[in-house]
C-alpha atoms as a PDB file:
ATOM      1  CA  UNK A   1       2.663   5.945  39.965  1.00  0.00           C
ATOM      2  CA  UNK A   2       0.671   3.320  38.090  1.00  0.00           C
ATOM      3  CA  UNK A   3      -2.479   4.753  36.505  1.00  0.00           C
ATOM      4  CA  UNK A   4      -5.695   2.965  35.690  1.00  0.00           C
ATOM      5  CA  UNK A   5      -8.070   3.678  32.799  1.00  0.00           C
ATOM      6  CA  UNK A   6     -11.615   4.710  33.526  1.00  0.00           C
ATOM      7  CA  UNK A   7     -14.575   2.533  32.454  1.00  0.00           C
ATOM      8  CA  UNK A   8     -15.250   5.020  29.625  1.00  0.00           C
ATOM      9  CA  UNK A   9     -11.644   4.879  28.408  1.00  0.00           C
ATOM     10  CA  UNK A  10     -11.714   1.057  28.459  1.00  0.00           C
ATOM     11  CA  UNK A  11     -14.935   1.103  26.489  1.00  0.00           C
ATOM     12  CA  UNK A  12     -13.440   3.612  23.992  1.00  0.00           C
ATOM     13  CA  UNK A  13     -10.515   1.211  23.500  1.00  0.00           C
ATOM     14  CA  UNK A  14     -12.764  -1.700  22.467  1.00  0.00           C
ATOM     15  CA  UNK A  15     -11.860  -3.256  19.099  1.00  0.00           C
ATOM     16  CA  UNK A  16      -8.290  -2.033  19.113  1.00  0.00           C
ATOM     17  CA  UNK A  17      -5.505  -4.358  18.050  1.00  0.00           C
ATOM     18  CA  UNK A  18      -4.068  -6.420  20.928  1.00  0.00           C
ATOM     19  CA  UNK A  19      -0.604  -4.930  20.365  1.00  0.00           C
ATOM     20  CA  UNK A  20      -1.956  -1.413  20.975  1.00  0.00           C
ATOM     21  CA  UNK A  21      -3.769  -2.658  24.116  1.00  0.00           C
ATOM     22  CA  UNK A  22      -0.535  -4.157  25.448  1.00  0.00           C
ATOM     23  CA  UNK A  23       1.355  -0.906  24.649  1.00  0.00           C
ATOM     24  CA  UNK A  24      -1.339   1.207  26.271  1.00  0.00           C
ATOM     25  CA  UNK A  25      -1.390  -1.011  29.418  1.00  0.00           C
ATOM     26  CA  UNK A  26       2.415  -0.839  29.838  1.00  0.00           C
ATOM     27  CA  UNK A  27       2.393   2.892  29.191  1.00  0.00           C
ATOM     28  CA  UNK A  28       0.087   3.257  32.200  1.00  0.00           C
ATOM     29  CA  UNK A  29       2.915   1.893  34.343  1.00  0.00           C
ATOM     30  CA  UNK A  30       5.554   4.198  32.746  1.00  0.00           C
ATOM     31  CA  UNK A  31       3.836   7.557  32.226  1.00  0.00           C
ATOM     32  CA  UNK A  32       4.313  10.192  34.920  1.00  0.00           C
ATOM     33  CA  UNK A  33       1.038  11.719  33.677  1.00  0.00           C
ATOM     34  CA  UNK A  34      -2.336  10.007  33.814  1.00  0.00           C
ATOM     35  CA  UNK A  35      -4.217   9.676  30.531  1.00  0.00           C
ATOM     36  CA  UNK A  36      -7.369   8.377  28.982  1.00  0.00           C
ATOM     37  CA  UNK A  37      -8.964   7.439  25.670  1.00  0.00           C
ATOM     38  CA  UNK A  38     -11.589   9.884  24.268  1.00  0.00           C
ATOM     39  CA  UNK A  39     -14.815   8.975  22.505  1.00  0.00           C
ATOM     40  CA  UNK A  40     -13.868   7.957  18.943  1.00  0.00           C
ATOM     41  CA  UNK A  41     -10.266   7.561  20.121  1.00  0.00           C
ATOM     42  CA  UNK A  42     -10.277   3.893  19.197  1.00  0.00           C
ATOM     43  CA  UNK A  43     -12.058   1.887  16.535  1.00  0.00           C
ATOM     44  CA  UNK A  44     -14.255   3.985  14.240  1.00  0.00           C
ATOM     45  CA  UNK A  45     -16.979   3.227  11.715  1.00  0.00           C
ATOM     46  CA  UNK A  46     -16.902   4.750   8.269  1.00  0.00           C
ATOM     47  CA  UNK A  47     -19.663   7.206   9.305  1.00  0.00           C
ATOM     48  CA  UNK A  48     -17.828   8.212  12.521  1.00  0.00           C
ATOM     49  CA  UNK A  49     -14.614   8.778  10.543  1.00  0.00           C
ATOM     50  CA  UNK A  50     -16.473  10.842   7.922  1.00  0.00           C
ATOM     51  CA  UNK A  51     -18.032  13.078  10.593  1.00  0.00           C
ATOM     52  CA  UNK A  52     -14.589  13.737  12.087  1.00  0.00           C
ATOM     53  CA  UNK A  53     -13.293  14.600   8.627  1.00  0.00           C
ATOM     54  CA  UNK A  54     -16.170  17.027   7.994  1.00  0.00           C
ATOM     55  CA  UNK A  55     -15.673  18.597  11.431  1.00  0.00           C
ATOM     56  CA  UNK A  56     -11.963  19.125  10.644  1.00  0.00           C
ATOM     57  CA  UNK A  57     -10.705  16.589  13.186  1.00  0.00           C
ATOM     58  CA  UNK A  58      -9.134  14.216  10.625  1.00  0.00           C
ATOM     59  CA  UNK A  59      -7.457  14.235   7.218  1.00  0.00           C
ATOM     60  CA  UNK A  60      -9.121  10.897   6.339  1.00  0.00           C
ATOM     61  CA  UNK A  61     -12.691  10.844   5.057  1.00  0.00           C
ATOM     62  CA  UNK A  62     -13.295   7.200   5.966  1.00  0.00           C
ATOM     63  CA  UNK A  63     -14.269   6.189   2.433  1.00  0.00           C
ATOM     64  CA  UNK A  64     -11.789   7.306  -0.189  1.00  0.00           C
ATOM     65  CA  UNK A  65      -8.991   7.722   2.379  1.00  0.00           C
ATOM     66  CA  UNK A  66      -9.251   5.282   5.275  1.00  0.00           C
ATOM     67  CA  UNK A  67      -7.951   5.947   8.766  1.00  0.00           C
ATOM     68  CA  UNK A  68      -5.913   3.493  10.813  1.00  0.00           C
ATOM     69  CA  UNK A  69      -8.716   3.923  13.386  1.00  0.00           C
ATOM     70  CA  UNK A  70     -11.071   2.066  11.006  1.00  0.00           C
ATOM     71  CA  UNK A  71      -8.842  -1.051  11.230  1.00  0.00           C
ATOM     72  CA  UNK A  72      -8.237  -0.900  14.967  1.00  0.00           C
ATOM     73  CA  UNK A  73      -4.554  -0.031  14.381  1.00  0.00           C
ATOM     74  CA  UNK A  74      -4.722   3.504  15.884  1.00  0.00           C
ATOM     75  CA  UNK A  75      -5.433   4.973  19.270  1.00  0.00           C
ATOM     76  CA  UNK A  76      -5.981   8.549  20.351  1.00  0.00           C
ATOM     77  CA  UNK A  77      -5.423   9.703  23.927  1.00  0.00           C
ATOM     78  CA  UNK A  78      -5.620  12.762  26.126  1.00  0.00           C
ATOM     79  CA  UNK A  79      -3.546  13.638  29.157  1.00  0.00           C
ATOM     80  CA  UNK A  80      -5.385  13.817  32.453  1.00  0.00           C
ATOM     81  CA  UNK A  81      -3.962  16.614  34.613  1.00  0.00           C
ATOM     82  CA  UNK A  82      -5.383  18.149  37.803  1.00  0.00           C
ATOM     83  CA  UNK A  83      -8.702  16.324  37.345  1.00  0.00           C
ATOM     84  CA  UNK A  84      -9.272  17.454  33.780  1.00  0.00           C
ATOM     85  CA  UNK A  85      -8.478  16.324  30.259  1.00  0.00           C
ATOM     86  CA  UNK A  86      -5.472  18.231  28.859  1.00  0.00           C
ATOM     87  CA  UNK A  87      -4.690  18.631  25.164  1.00  0.00           C
ATOM     88  CA  UNK A  88      -1.555  20.710  25.963  1.00  0.00           C
ATOM     89  CA  UNK A  89       1.330  19.714  23.735  1.00  0.00           C
ATOM     90  CA  UNK A  90       3.797  19.125  26.590  1.00  0.00           C
ATOM     91  CA  UNK A  91       1.387  16.831  28.400  1.00  0.00           C
ATOM     92  CA  UNK A  92       0.571  14.885  25.225  1.00  0.00           C
ATOM     93  CA  UNK A  93       4.253  14.578  24.400  1.00  0.00           C
ATOM     94  CA  UNK A  94       4.970  13.048  27.798  1.00  0.00           C
ATOM     95  CA  UNK A  95       2.194  10.497  27.435  1.00  0.00           C
ATOM     96  CA  UNK A  96       3.261   9.678  23.827  1.00  0.00           C
ATOM     97  CA  UNK A  97       6.840   9.072  25.092  1.00  0.00           C
ATOM     98  CA  UNK A  98       5.555   6.530  27.551  1.00  0.00           C
ATOM     99  CA  UNK A  99       3.746   4.742  24.744  1.00  0.00           C
ATOM    100  CA  UNK A 100       6.783   4.781  22.486  1.00  0.00           C
ATOM    101  CA  UNK A 101       8.925   3.433  25.327  1.00  0.00           C
ATOM    102  CA  UNK A 102       6.340   0.703  26.007  1.00  0.00           C
ATOM    103  CA  UNK A 103       6.305  -0.244  22.318  1.00  0.00           C
ATOM    104  CA  UNK A 104      10.030  -0.487  22.271  1.00  0.00           C
ATOM    105  CA  UNK A 105      10.053  -2.703  25.348  1.00  0.00           C
ATOM    106  CA  UNK A 106       7.399  -4.982  23.783  1.00  0.00           C
ATOM    107  CA  UNK A 107       9.170  -5.049  20.404  1.00  0.00           C
ATOM    108  CA  UNK A 108       6.305  -3.402  18.517  1.00  0.00           C
ATOM    109  CA  UNK A 109       6.695  -0.625  15.925  1.00  0.00           C
ATOM    110  CA  UNK A 110       4.627   2.402  16.888  1.00  0.00           C
ATOM    111  CA  UNK A 111       4.228   5.713  15.047  1.00  0.00           C
ATOM    112  CA  UNK A 112       3.329   8.917  16.871  1.00  0.00           C
ATOM    113  CA  UNK A 113       1.425  11.708  15.081  1.00  0.00           C
ATOM    114  CA  UNK A 114       3.549  14.313  16.869  1.00  0.00           C
ATOM    115  CA  UNK A 115       6.477  13.382  14.564  1.00  0.00           C
ATOM    116  CA  UNK A 116       4.524  14.018  11.353  1.00  0.00           C
ATOM    117  CA  UNK A 117       5.662  17.049   9.358  1.00  0.00           C
ATOM    118  CA  UNK A 118       2.505  18.102   7.466  1.00  0.00           C
ATOM    119  CA  UNK A 119      -0.123  17.468  10.125  1.00  0.00           C
ATOM    120  CA  UNK A 120       1.187  17.087  13.685  1.00  0.00           C
ATOM    121  CA  UNK A 121      -1.348  14.972  15.549  1.00  0.00           C
ATOM    122  CA  UNK A 122      -0.060  14.950  19.111  1.00  0.00           C
ATOM    123  CA  UNK A 123      -2.737  12.691  20.655  1.00  0.00           C
ATOM    124  CA  UNK A 124      -2.454  10.047  17.903  1.00  0.00           C
ATOM    125  CA  UNK A 125      -0.573   6.644  17.895  1.00  0.00           C
ATOM    126  CA  UNK A 126      -0.702   3.938  15.270  1.00  0.00           C
ATOM    127  CA  UNK A 127       0.951   0.628  14.623  1.00  0.00           C
ATOM    128  CA  UNK A 128       3.440   0.697  11.804  1.00  0.00           C
ATOM    129  CA  UNK A 129       2.927  -1.784   8.996  1.00  0.00           C
END
């Protein structure tokens, strides 16, 4: 099935690098699970990043340690299952796999936070430098 992002998800993706947009669009055609982009899942200001850091949602404070989100090179997502957002690891892994496959098809280098050893960030994708 080919999924379609909601108006909110499209808005939350504003300012993201065109490569990530292309990957995300192709992943919609590949993924067996629907997905969306949460608030602050795309481009973030320094203040937004700092708030996420203070709340424990990020390891980057937005000032001394910048996030890829602040440059438009990162995108967070959630799975959408049975009419609700899902943060379940197996759902997020399936959606991430669709994005990694899409990146490979398009010839872009994409990193998934689920592969990180110290802080596994399953809903996080970023373009590799």
